[in-house]
Amino acid sequence: MKLNPSKETHLTGHDTEIQKYGTVTNRPISLDHKVRLASVDSLNQILADTMTLRDLYKKHHWQVSGPTFYQLHLLFDKHYGEQAELVDTLAERVQTLGGVAIAMAADVAETTRIARPPRGREDVTMQVFRLLQAHELIIEAAHEAAKAAAANGDDGTNDLLVSDVLRRNELQVWFVSEHIVGAGIADKDEEAAHSLAATHA
């Protein structure tokens, strides 16, 4: 089909969609429609958050500064690549279940629960803190979604969330959190935990 450049062409979603977002098509994979719909909904939320975390790593990769610049510049880019792999894995699972994977930046921005950082550069401690907050949000969501998938008999989604999403995010948290030991944030959290334990002793 050739488009006539002399005429304006206005395409809307109603003109082009063959499947609406938030629906699932039939798939002969021995999973009930409601089960697949619930898994797709959870996976798309985690996907939107994972895409945001991926991009947060790239932002910090470009903008990191200070004495640990070289180490963090490389680490952030490595984690960016690993999160990008998770994005594909999550999106492919959504499609496998018969859903529609969230994809465009504007849609992701409306869906993600990760706070938007400023456009400008932040110091290393704040960059790391933002990353750890994002990881924790995804880890919590993955735990809940994995339990729900297991209860619903969706073993494929459960396996993906545990083997890929949880383990990758937990490992990245370990690497990133070591960079704030002694920087104040981690120490304050530990002090608060000790204080709470002492109060209930």
N, C-alpha and C. Protein backbone atom coordinates (compact mmCIF):
# COMPACT_ATOMS: atom_id res chain seq x y z
N MET A 1 0.84 -1.19 0.00
CA MET A 1 0.00 0.00 0.00
C MET A 1 0.87 1.24 0.00
N LYS A 2 0.61 2.17 -0.92
CA LYS A 2 1.35 3.43 -0.97
C LYS A 2 0.50 4.54 -0.39
N LEU A 3 1.13 5.34 0.47
CA LEU A 3 0.43 6.48 1.03
C LEU A 3 0.66 7.69 0.15
N ASN A 4 -0.37 8.44 -0.06
CA ASN A 4 -0.25 9.66 -0.87
C ASN A 4 0.30 10.78 0.00
N PRO A 5 1.55 11.24 -0.26
CA PRO A 5 2.15 12.27 0.58
C PRO A 5 1.44 13.61 0.50
N SER A 6 0.58 13.80 -0.54
CA SER A 6 -0.10 15.08 -0.70
C SER A 6 -1.32 15.18 0.21
N LYS A 7 -1.74 14.05 0.79
CA LYS A 7 -2.90 14.05 1.66
C LYS A 7 -2.48 13.66 3.08
N GLU A 8 -3.08 14.35 4.05
CA GLU A 8 -2.78 14.01 5.44
C GLU A 8 -3.46 12.69 5.76
N THR A 9 -2.72 11.85 6.48
CA THR A 9 -3.27 10.57 6.89
C THR A 9 -3.32 10.54 8.41
N HIS A 10 -4.49 10.38 8.98
CA HIS A 10 -4.65 10.33 10.43
C HIS A 10 -5.06 8.92 10.81
N LEU A 11 -4.17 8.23 11.51
CA LEU A 11 -4.48 6.88 11.97
C LEU A 11 -4.70 6.91 13.47
N THR A 12 -5.80 6.34 13.92
CA THR A 12 -6.06 6.24 15.35
C THR A 12 -6.02 4.78 15.75
N GLY A 13 -6.02 4.54 17.05
CA GLY A 13 -6.01 3.16 17.54
C GLY A 13 -7.19 2.37 17.03
N HIS A 14 -8.34 3.03 16.88
CA HIS A 14 -9.53 2.32 16.42
C HIS A 14 -9.37 1.85 14.97
N ASP A 15 -8.51 2.53 14.22
CA ASP A 15 -8.31 2.16 12.82
C ASP A 15 -7.39 0.95 12.67
N THR A 16 -6.48 0.78 13.61
CA THR A 16 -5.39 -0.16 13.39
C THR A 16 -5.31 -1.34 14.37
N GLU A 17 -5.93 -1.24 15.53
CA GLU A 17 -5.78 -2.30 16.54
C GLU A 17 -6.45 -3.59 16.10
N ILE A 18 -5.73 -4.69 16.28
CA ILE A 18 -6.33 -6.00 16.04
C ILE A 18 -6.57 -6.73 17.37
N GLN A 19 -5.98 -6.21 18.45
CA GLN A 19 -6.25 -6.71 19.80
C GLN A 19 -6.07 -5.58 20.79
N LYS A 20 -7.03 -5.38 21.65
CA LYS A 20 -6.95 -4.31 22.63
C LYS A 20 -6.01 -4.67 23.78
N TYR A 21 -5.32 -3.67 24.28
CA TYR A 21 -4.46 -3.84 25.46
C TYR A 21 -5.36 -4.23 26.63
N GLY A 22 -4.86 -5.15 27.46
CA GLY A 22 -5.64 -5.60 28.62
C GLY A 22 -6.54 -6.78 28.33
N THR A 23 -6.42 -7.34 27.13
CA THR A 23 -7.19 -8.54 26.77
C THR A 23 -6.22 -9.68 26.48
N VAL A 24 -6.75 -10.89 26.46
CA VAL A 24 -5.94 -12.05 26.06
C VAL A 24 -6.70 -12.86 25.02
N THR A 25 -5.97 -13.34 24.03
CA THR A 25 -6.56 -14.21 23.02
C THR A 25 -6.44 -15.66 23.47
N ASN A 26 -7.16 -16.53 22.81
CA ASN A 26 -7.11 -17.95 23.17
C ASN A 26 -5.74 -18.54 22.83
N ARG A 27 -5.24 -19.35 23.73
CA ARG A 27 -3.98 -20.07 23.52
C ARG A 27 -4.16 -21.49 24.06
N PRO A 28 -3.84 -22.52 23.26
CA PRO A 28 -3.98 -23.90 23.74
C PRO A 28 -2.80 -24.29 24.63
N ILE A 29 -2.69 -23.61 25.79
CA ILE A 29 -1.57 -23.89 26.70
C ILE A 29 -2.08 -24.37 28.06
N SER A 30 -3.31 -24.89 28.08
CA SER A 30 -3.89 -25.50 29.27
C SER A 30 -3.96 -24.56 30.47
N LEU A 31 -4.27 -23.29 30.19
CA LEU A 31 -4.48 -22.30 31.25
C LEU A 31 -5.79 -21.58 30.98
N ASP A 32 -6.61 -21.46 32.02
CA ASP A 32 -7.89 -20.78 31.91
C ASP A 32 -7.71 -19.32 31.50
N HIS A 33 -8.71 -18.78 30.81
CA HIS A 33 -8.70 -17.40 30.34
C HIS A 33 -8.47 -16.43 31.50
N LYS A 34 -9.15 -16.62 32.62
CA LYS A 34 -9.01 -15.72 33.77
C LYS A 34 -7.61 -15.78 34.36
N VAL A 35 -7.03 -16.95 34.36
CA VAL A 35 -5.67 -17.13 34.89
C VAL A 35 -4.68 -16.37 34.02
N ARG A 36 -4.81 -16.52 32.71
CA ARG A 36 -3.91 -15.84 31.78
C ARG A 36 -4.09 -14.33 31.85
N LEU A 37 -5.32 -13.88 32.02
CA LEU A 37 -5.60 -12.45 32.13
C LEU A 37 -4.95 -11.86 33.38
N ALA A 38 -5.06 -12.58 34.50
CA ALA A 38 -4.46 -12.12 35.76
C ALA A 38 -2.94 -12.07 35.65
N SER A 39 -2.35 -13.08 35.05
CA SER A 39 -0.89 -13.11 34.91
C SER A 39 -0.40 -12.00 33.99
N VAL A 40 -1.12 -11.78 32.90
CA VAL A 40 -0.74 -10.73 31.95
C VAL A 40 -0.79 -9.36 32.62
N ASP A 41 -1.81 -9.13 33.43
CA ASP A 41 -1.95 -7.85 34.13
C ASP A 41 -0.76 -7.62 35.07
N SER A 42 -0.40 -8.63 35.85
CA SER A 42 0.74 -8.52 36.76
C SER A 42 2.05 -8.35 36.01
N LEU A 43 2.21 -9.14 34.95
CA LEU A 43 3.45 -9.09 34.17
C LEU A 43 3.64 -7.74 33.49
N ASN A 44 2.56 -7.15 32.99
CA ASN A 44 2.67 -5.85 32.33
C ASN A 44 3.08 -4.75 33.31
N GLN A 45 2.59 -4.84 34.55
CA GLN A 45 3.01 -3.86 35.56
C GLN A 45 4.50 -4.01 35.87
N ILE A 46 4.94 -5.24 36.04
CA ILE A 46 6.35 -5.50 36.31
C ILE A 46 7.19 -5.13 35.10
N LEU A 47 6.65 -5.35 33.91
CA LEU A 47 7.35 -4.97 32.68
C LEU A 47 7.53 -3.46 32.61
N ALA A 48 6.49 -2.69 32.90
CA ALA A 48 6.59 -1.23 32.87
C ALA A 48 7.63 -0.74 33.88
N ASP A 49 7.63 -1.33 35.06
CA ASP A 49 8.59 -0.94 36.09
C ASP A 49 10.01 -1.36 35.70
N THR A 50 10.14 -2.52 35.07
CA THR A 50 11.45 -3.00 34.63
C THR A 50 12.01 -2.12 33.52
N MET A 51 11.16 -1.68 32.60
CA MET A 51 11.61 -0.78 31.54
C MET A 51 12.08 0.56 32.13
N THR A 52 11.40 1.00 33.17
CA THR A 52 11.79 2.25 33.83
C THR A 52 13.11 2.08 34.56
N LEU A 53 13.28 0.96 35.26
CA LEU A 53 14.54 0.68 35.95
C LEU A 53 15.68 0.55 34.95
N ARG A 54 15.43 -0.13 33.85
CA ARG A 54 16.43 -0.24 32.78
C ARG A 54 16.91 1.14 32.35
N ASP A 55 15.97 2.04 32.09
CA ASP A 55 16.32 3.39 31.62
C ASP A 55 16.98 4.23 32.72
N LEU A 56 16.60 3.96 33.97
CA LEU A 56 17.23 4.65 35.10
C LEU A 56 18.71 4.27 35.18
N TYR A 57 19.00 3.01 34.91
CA TYR A 57 20.40 2.57 34.89
C TYR A 57 21.18 3.28 33.78
N LYS A 58 20.57 3.45 32.62
CA LYS A 58 21.27 4.12 31.52
C LYS A 58 21.48 5.59 31.83
N LYS A 59 20.48 6.23 32.43
CA LYS A 59 20.61 7.64 32.83
C LYS A 59 21.79 7.80 33.79
N HIS A 60 21.86 6.94 34.79
CA HIS A 60 22.94 7.03 35.78
C HIS A 60 24.29 6.64 35.18
N HIS A 61 24.27 5.73 34.22
CA HIS A 61 25.50 5.36 33.51
C HIS A 61 26.10 6.58 32.82
N TRP A 62 25.25 7.39 32.21
CA TRP A 62 25.72 8.60 31.52
C TRP A 62 26.13 9.69 32.51
N GLN A 63 25.40 9.82 33.61
CA GLN A 63 25.53 11.00 34.46
C GLN A 63 26.33 10.80 35.74
N VAL A 64 26.74 9.57 36.03
CA VAL A 64 27.47 9.33 37.29
C VAL A 64 28.77 10.12 37.31
N SER A 65 29.19 10.53 38.50
CA SER A 65 30.43 11.30 38.64
C SER A 65 31.05 10.98 39.99
N GLY A 66 32.26 11.48 40.20
CA GLY A 66 32.92 11.30 41.49
C GLY A 66 34.01 10.25 41.45
N PRO A 67 34.59 9.96 42.63
CA PRO A 67 35.74 9.05 42.73
C PRO A 67 35.45 7.64 42.22
N THR A 68 34.18 7.20 42.31
CA THR A 68 33.83 5.84 41.86
C THR A 68 33.24 5.84 40.45
N PHE A 69 33.47 6.91 39.71
CA PHE A 69 32.88 7.05 38.37
C PHE A 69 33.12 5.82 37.50
N TYR A 70 34.36 5.39 37.38
CA TYR A 70 34.69 4.33 36.42
C TYR A 70 33.98 3.03 36.79
N GLN A 71 34.04 2.64 38.08
CA GLN A 71 33.41 1.39 38.51
C GLN A 71 31.90 1.42 38.30
N LEU A 72 31.27 2.54 38.70
CA LEU A 72 29.82 2.62 38.58
C LEU A 72 29.38 2.82 37.13
N HIS A 73 30.16 3.53 36.35
CA HIS A 73 29.87 3.71 34.93
C HIS A 73 29.75 2.34 34.26
N LEU A 74 30.66 1.45 34.56
CA LEU A 74 30.64 0.10 33.99
C LEU A 74 29.54 -0.76 34.60
N LEU A 75 29.38 -0.68 35.93
CA LEU A 75 28.37 -1.49 36.61
C LEU A 75 26.96 -1.12 36.16
N PHE A 76 26.68 0.17 36.08
CA PHE A 76 25.35 0.61 35.67
C PHE A 76 25.03 0.15 34.25
N ASP A 77 26.02 0.17 33.37
CA ASP A 77 25.77 -0.27 32.00
C ASP A 77 25.55 -1.78 31.93
N LYS A 78 26.28 -2.52 32.75
CA LYS A 78 26.09 -3.98 32.81
C LYS A 78 24.67 -4.30 33.29
N HIS A 79 24.23 -3.61 34.34
CA HIS A 79 22.90 -3.85 34.86
C HIS A 79 21.82 -3.40 33.87
N TYR A 80 22.10 -2.33 33.13
CA TYR A 80 21.18 -1.89 32.07
C TYR A 80 20.96 -3.03 31.07
N GLY A 81 22.04 -3.65 30.64
CA GLY A 81 21.93 -4.75 29.67
C GLY A 81 21.15 -5.92 30.22
N GLU A 82 21.35 -6.23 31.50
CA GLU A 82 20.64 -7.35 32.12
C GLU A 82 19.15 -7.03 32.28
N GLN A 83 18.83 -5.78 32.62
CA GLN A 83 17.43 -5.40 32.72
C GLN A 83 16.76 -5.40 31.34
N ALA A 84 17.53 -5.03 30.31
CA ALA A 84 17.00 -5.07 28.94
C ALA A 84 16.62 -6.50 28.55
N GLU A 85 17.42 -7.46 28.98
CA GLU A 85 17.11 -8.87 28.72
C GLU A 85 15.83 -9.28 29.44
N LEU A 86 15.66 -8.79 30.69
CA LEU A 86 14.44 -9.09 31.43
C LEU A 86 13.22 -8.50 30.75
N VAL A 87 13.37 -7.32 30.18
CA VAL A 87 12.27 -6.68 29.46
C VAL A 87 11.77 -7.61 28.34
N ASP A 88 12.68 -8.14 27.56
CA ASP A 88 12.30 -9.06 26.48
C ASP A 88 11.63 -10.32 27.03
N THR A 89 12.21 -10.86 28.09
CA THR A 89 11.67 -12.08 28.69
C THR A 89 10.24 -11.88 29.19
N LEU A 90 10.01 -10.75 29.87
CA LEU A 90 8.68 -10.44 30.39
C LEU A 90 7.68 -10.21 29.25
N ALA A 91 8.10 -9.43 28.25
CA ALA A 91 7.21 -9.12 27.13
C ALA A 91 6.85 -10.39 26.36
N GLU A 92 7.80 -11.27 26.18
CA GLU A 92 7.53 -12.51 25.45
C GLU A 92 6.57 -13.41 26.22
N ARG A 93 6.66 -13.39 27.57
CA ARG A 93 5.73 -14.19 28.37
C ARG A 93 4.31 -13.63 28.24
N VAL A 94 4.18 -12.30 28.25
CA VAL A 94 2.87 -11.68 28.07
C VAL A 94 2.27 -12.12 26.75
N GLN A 95 3.06 -12.08 25.69
CA GLN A 95 2.57 -12.48 24.36
C GLN A 95 2.25 -13.98 24.32
N THR A 96 3.07 -14.78 24.99
CA THR A 96 2.84 -16.23 25.03
C THR A 96 1.49 -16.55 25.68
N LEU A 97 1.13 -15.77 26.68
CA LEU A 97 -0.14 -15.98 27.37
C LEU A 97 -1.33 -15.44 26.58
N GLY A 98 -1.05 -14.80 25.44
CA GLY A 98 -2.12 -14.27 24.60
C GLY A 98 -2.43 -12.82 24.85
N GLY A 99 -1.58 -12.15 25.65
CA GLY A 99 -1.80 -10.75 25.97
C GLY A 99 -1.08 -9.82 25.02
N VAL A 100 -1.12 -8.53 25.36
CA VAL A 100 -0.43 -7.49 24.60
C VAL A 100 0.56 -6.83 25.54
N ALA A 101 1.83 -6.93 25.22
CA ALA A 101 2.87 -6.35 26.08
C ALA A 101 2.91 -4.84 25.96
N ILE A 102 3.00 -4.15 27.09
CA ILE A 102 3.17 -2.70 27.06
C ILE A 102 4.51 -2.40 26.40
N ALA A 103 4.59 -1.32 25.61
CA ALA A 103 5.80 -1.14 24.81
C ALA A 103 6.29 0.29 24.69
N MET A 104 5.40 1.24 24.47
CA MET A 104 5.83 2.60 24.16
C MET A 104 6.14 3.40 25.42
N ALA A 105 7.11 4.31 25.29
CA ALA A 105 7.60 5.08 26.44
C ALA A 105 6.49 5.85 27.14
N ALA A 106 5.59 6.46 26.37
CA ALA A 106 4.50 7.24 26.97
C ALA A 106 3.58 6.35 27.80
N ASP A 107 3.30 5.15 27.32
CA ASP A 107 2.44 4.22 28.05
C ASP A 107 3.14 3.71 29.30
N VAL A 108 4.43 3.44 29.17
CA VAL A 108 5.22 2.99 30.32
C VAL A 108 5.25 4.07 31.40
N ALA A 109 5.44 5.33 30.99
CA ALA A 109 5.50 6.45 31.93
C ALA A 109 4.19 6.59 32.70
N GLU A 110 3.06 6.30 32.05
CA GLU A 110 1.76 6.39 32.71
C GLU A 110 1.51 5.21 33.65
N THR A 111 2.21 4.11 33.44
CA THR A 111 1.93 2.87 34.16
C THR A 111 2.90 2.60 35.30
N THR A 112 4.16 2.96 35.13
CA THR A 112 5.17 2.61 36.13
C THR A 112 4.88 3.23 37.49
N ARG A 113 5.29 2.54 38.54
CA ARG A 113 5.14 3.07 39.89
C ARG A 113 6.46 3.64 40.42
N ILE A 114 7.50 3.58 39.61
CA ILE A 114 8.80 4.13 40.00
C ILE A 114 8.79 5.64 39.82
N ALA A 115 9.22 6.35 40.85
CA ALA A 115 9.20 7.81 40.81
C ALA A 115 10.12 8.34 39.71
N ARG A 116 9.66 9.37 39.04
CA ARG A 116 10.46 9.97 37.96
C ARG A 116 11.58 10.82 38.55
N PRO A 117 12.82 10.58 38.13
CA PRO A 117 13.93 11.39 38.63
C PRO A 117 13.99 12.72 37.90
N PRO A 118 14.73 13.70 38.42
CA PRO A 118 14.89 14.96 37.69
C PRO A 118 15.71 14.73 36.42
N ARG A 119 15.62 15.65 35.48
CA ARG A 119 16.40 15.52 34.25
C ARG A 119 17.89 15.73 34.51
N GLY A 120 18.18 16.57 35.49
CA GLY A 120 19.58 16.89 35.79
C GLY A 120 20.30 15.77 36.52
N ARG A 121 21.58 15.98 36.74
CA ARG A 121 22.45 15.00 37.39
C ARG A 121 22.30 15.07 38.91
N GLU A 122 22.23 13.90 39.54
CA GLU A 122 22.21 13.79 41.00
C GLU A 122 23.51 13.17 41.49
N ASP A 123 23.79 13.30 42.78
CA ASP A 123 25.03 12.71 43.29
C ASP A 123 24.89 11.19 43.37
N VAL A 124 26.00 10.54 43.53
CA VAL A 124 26.06 9.08 43.47
C VAL A 124 25.14 8.43 44.51
N THR A 125 25.15 8.96 45.73
CA THR A 125 24.33 8.37 46.78
C THR A 125 22.86 8.38 46.41
N MET A 126 22.37 9.48 45.86
CA MET A 126 20.97 9.55 45.45
C MET A 126 20.69 8.65 44.25
N GLN A 127 21.63 8.57 43.32
CA GLN A 127 21.46 7.67 42.17
C GLN A 127 21.28 6.23 42.65
N VAL A 128 22.16 5.82 43.55
CA VAL A 128 22.11 4.44 44.07
C VAL A 128 20.83 4.22 44.86
N PHE A 129 20.45 5.20 45.66
CA PHE A 129 19.22 5.09 46.46
C PHE A 129 18.00 4.91 45.55
N ARG A 130 17.93 5.67 44.48
CA ARG A 130 16.81 5.55 43.54
C ARG A 130 16.77 4.14 42.93
N LEU A 131 17.93 3.62 42.56
CA LEU A 131 18.00 2.29 41.97
C LEU A 131 17.52 1.22 42.97
N LEU A 132 17.95 1.35 44.21
CA LEU A 132 17.56 0.36 45.22
C LEU A 132 16.06 0.42 45.51
N GLN A 133 15.50 1.61 45.54
CA GLN A 133 14.05 1.75 45.73
C GLN A 133 13.29 1.07 44.59
N ALA A 134 13.76 1.29 43.36
CA ALA A 134 13.11 0.69 42.20
C ALA A 134 13.21 -0.83 42.24
N HIS A 135 14.38 -1.33 42.58
CA HIS A 135 14.57 -2.78 42.70
C HIS A 135 13.61 -3.37 43.73
N GLU A 136 13.51 -2.72 44.88
CA GLU A 136 12.67 -3.25 45.95
C GLU A 136 11.21 -3.31 45.52
N LEU A 137 10.76 -2.30 44.82
CA LEU A 137 9.38 -2.27 44.33
C LEU A 137 9.13 -3.44 43.38
N ILE A 138 10.07 -3.68 42.48
CA ILE A 138 9.92 -4.78 41.51
C ILE A 138 9.98 -6.13 42.21
N ILE A 139 10.90 -6.26 43.16
CA ILE A 139 11.04 -7.53 43.90
C ILE A 139 9.76 -7.85 44.66
N GLU A 140 9.19 -6.85 45.32
CA GLU A 140 7.94 -7.06 46.06
C GLU A 140 6.81 -7.48 45.13
N ALA A 141 6.70 -6.81 43.98
CA ALA A 141 5.65 -7.15 43.01
C ALA A 141 5.86 -8.55 42.44
N ALA A 142 7.12 -8.90 42.20
CA ALA A 142 7.42 -10.22 41.64
C ALA A 142 7.08 -11.33 42.63
N HIS A 143 7.36 -11.09 43.92
CA HIS A 143 6.99 -12.07 44.95
C HIS A 143 5.48 -12.32 44.93
N GLU A 144 4.71 -11.24 44.93
CA GLU A 144 3.25 -11.36 44.97
C GLU A 144 2.72 -12.04 43.70
N ALA A 145 3.25 -11.62 42.54
CA ALA A 145 2.79 -12.19 41.28
C ALA A 145 3.18 -13.67 41.15
N ALA A 146 4.35 -14.02 41.65
CA ALA A 146 4.81 -15.42 41.58
C ALA A 146 3.91 -16.31 42.43
N LYS A 147 3.55 -15.84 43.63
CA LYS A 147 2.66 -16.62 44.50
C LYS A 147 1.29 -16.79 43.85
N ALA A 148 0.78 -15.72 43.26
CA ALA A 148 -0.53 -15.80 42.61
C ALA A 148 -0.49 -16.75 41.41
N ALA A 149 0.58 -16.68 40.64
CA ALA A 149 0.72 -17.56 39.47
C ALA A 149 0.78 -19.02 39.90
N ALA A 150 1.53 -19.28 40.98
CA ALA A 150 1.64 -20.66 41.48
C ALA A 150 0.28 -21.17 41.96
N ALA A 151 -0.44 -20.31 42.67
CA ALA A 151 -1.77 -20.69 43.17
C ALA A 151 -2.74 -20.96 42.03
N ASN A 152 -2.56 -20.26 40.91
CA ASN A 152 -3.44 -20.41 39.75
C ASN A 152 -2.99 -21.50 38.79
N GLY A 153 -1.86 -22.14 39.10
CA GLY A 153 -1.37 -23.21 38.23
C GLY A 153 -0.59 -22.71 37.02
N ASP A 154 -0.23 -21.42 37.02
CA ASP A 154 0.55 -20.86 35.91
C ASP A 154 2.04 -21.01 36.24
N ASP A 155 2.53 -22.24 36.05
CA ASP A 155 3.91 -22.56 36.43
C ASP A 155 4.94 -21.82 35.59
N GLY A 156 4.63 -21.57 34.32
CA GLY A 156 5.57 -20.87 33.46
C GLY A 156 5.83 -19.45 33.94
N THR A 157 4.77 -18.75 34.31
CA THR A 157 4.92 -17.38 34.82
C THR A 157 5.62 -17.38 36.17
N ASN A 158 5.25 -18.33 37.02
CA ASN A 158 5.90 -18.44 38.32
C ASN A 158 7.40 -18.67 38.17
N ASP A 159 7.77 -19.57 37.28
CA ASP A 159 9.19 -19.87 37.06
C ASP A 159 9.95 -18.66 36.54
N LEU A 160 9.35 -17.94 35.60
CA LEU A 160 9.99 -16.75 35.05
C LEU A 160 10.23 -15.70 36.14
N LEU A 161 9.21 -15.48 36.95
CA LEU A 161 9.32 -14.45 37.99
C LEU A 161 10.36 -14.80 39.05
N VAL A 162 10.41 -16.08 39.41
CA VAL A 162 11.37 -16.50 40.44
C VAL A 162 12.77 -16.65 39.86
N SER A 163 12.90 -17.39 38.78
CA SER A 163 14.22 -17.72 38.23
C SER A 163 14.89 -16.54 37.54
N ASP A 164 14.10 -15.69 36.90
CA ASP A 164 14.67 -14.57 36.14
C ASP A 164 14.55 -13.24 36.86
N VAL A 165 13.32 -12.81 37.14
CA VAL A 165 13.11 -11.48 37.69
C VAL A 165 13.64 -11.36 39.11
N LEU A 166 13.22 -12.23 40.00
CA LEU A 166 13.64 -12.13 41.40
C LEU A 166 15.15 -12.31 41.56
N ARG A 167 15.68 -13.37 41.00
CA ARG A 167 17.10 -13.65 41.21
C ARG A 167 17.99 -12.59 40.59
N ARG A 168 17.63 -12.07 39.43
CA ARG A 168 18.44 -11.04 38.78
C ARG A 168 18.39 -9.74 39.58
N ASN A 169 17.20 -9.36 40.02
CA ASN A 169 17.07 -8.12 40.79
C ASN A 169 17.75 -8.22 42.15
N GLU A 170 17.63 -9.35 42.80
CA GLU A 170 18.29 -9.53 44.10
C GLU A 170 19.81 -9.45 43.96
N LEU A 171 20.33 -10.06 42.90
CA LEU A 171 21.78 -10.02 42.68
C LEU A 171 22.24 -8.59 42.40
N GLN A 172 21.48 -7.86 41.60
CA GLN A 172 21.85 -6.47 41.31
C GLN A 172 21.77 -5.60 42.56
N VAL A 173 20.80 -5.86 43.43
CA VAL A 173 20.71 -5.13 44.69
C VAL A 173 21.98 -5.33 45.51
N TRP A 174 22.48 -6.54 45.55
CA TRP A 174 23.72 -6.82 46.29
C TRP A 174 24.86 -5.95 45.76
N PHE A 175 25.06 -5.97 44.45
CA PHE A 175 26.17 -5.22 43.85
C PHE A 175 26.02 -3.72 44.07
N VAL A 176 24.80 -3.21 43.91
CA VAL A 176 24.58 -1.77 44.03
C VAL A 176 24.65 -1.31 45.48
N SER A 177 24.05 -2.08 46.39
CA SER A 177 23.97 -1.65 47.79
C SER A 177 25.34 -1.58 48.45
N GLU A 178 26.31 -2.34 47.96
CA GLU A 178 27.67 -2.27 48.53
C GLU A 178 28.31 -0.90 48.33
N HIS A 179 27.77 -0.11 47.40
CA HIS A 179 28.34 1.20 47.12
C HIS A 179 27.83 2.29 48.06
N ILE A 180 26.87 1.95 48.94
CA ILE A 180 26.42 2.96 49.90
C ILE A 180 26.71 2.57 51.34
N VAL A 181 27.45 1.49 51.55
CA VAL A 181 27.86 1.14 52.91
C VAL A 181 28.75 2.26 53.43
N GLY A 182 28.36 2.84 54.55
CA GLY A 182 29.13 3.94 55.12
C GLY A 182 28.76 5.30 54.56
N ALA A 183 27.82 5.33 53.62
CA ALA A 183 27.45 6.61 53.00
C ALA A 183 26.29 7.29 53.71
N GLY A 184 25.70 6.61 54.69
CA GLY A 184 24.63 7.24 55.45
C GLY A 184 23.29 6.54 55.32
N ILE A 185 22.87 6.26 54.10
CA ILE A 185 21.53 5.71 53.88
C ILE A 185 21.43 4.30 54.44
N ALA A 186 22.35 3.43 54.07
CA ALA A 186 22.31 2.05 54.54
C ALA A 186 22.49 2.01 56.04
N ASP A 187 23.39 2.85 56.57
CA ASP A 187 23.65 2.87 58.00
C ASP A 187 22.41 3.29 58.78
N LYS A 188 21.70 4.29 58.28
CA LYS A 188 20.49 4.77 58.97
C LYS A 188 19.42 3.68 58.99
N ASP A 189 19.28 2.96 57.87
CA ASP A 189 18.32 1.88 57.82
C ASP A 189 18.66 0.80 58.84
N GLU A 190 19.94 0.50 58.96
CA GLU A 190 20.38 -0.53 59.90
C GLU A 190 20.16 -0.07 61.34
N GLU A 191 20.46 1.20 61.60
CA GLU A 191 20.25 1.75 62.94
C GLU A 191 18.78 1.70 63.32
N ALA A 192 17.92 2.04 62.35
CA ALA A 192 16.47 2.02 62.61
C ALA A 192 16.00 0.61 62.93
N ALA A 193 16.56 -0.38 62.21
CA ALA A 193 16.19 -1.77 62.45
C ALA A 193 16.62 -2.22 63.84
N HIS A 194 17.84 -1.82 64.24
CA HIS A 194 18.34 -2.18 65.59
C HIS A 194 17.50 -1.53 66.67
N SER A 195 17.10 -0.27 66.45
CA SER A 195 16.28 0.46 67.40
C SER A 195 14.93 -0.21 67.60
N LEU A 196 14.34 -0.63 66.45
CA LEU A 196 13.04 -1.29 66.49
C LEU A 196 13.14 -2.62 67.22
N ALA A 197 14.22 -3.35 66.96
CA ALA A 197 14.42 -4.65 67.62
C ALA A 197 14.58 -4.46 69.13
N ALA A 198 15.30 -3.41 69.53
CA ALA A 198 15.54 -3.15 70.96
C ALA A 198 14.24 -2.78 71.66
N THR A 199 13.38 -2.05 70.95
CA THR A 199 12.10 -1.61 71.52
C THR A 199 11.20 -2.80 71.82
N HIS A 200 11.25 -3.81 70.92
CA HIS A 200 10.36 -4.99 71.08
C HIS A 200 11.02 -6.09 71.89
N ALA A 201 12.26 -5.86 72.34
CA ALA A 201 12.96 -6.91 73.11
C ALA A 201 12.39 -7.03 74.50
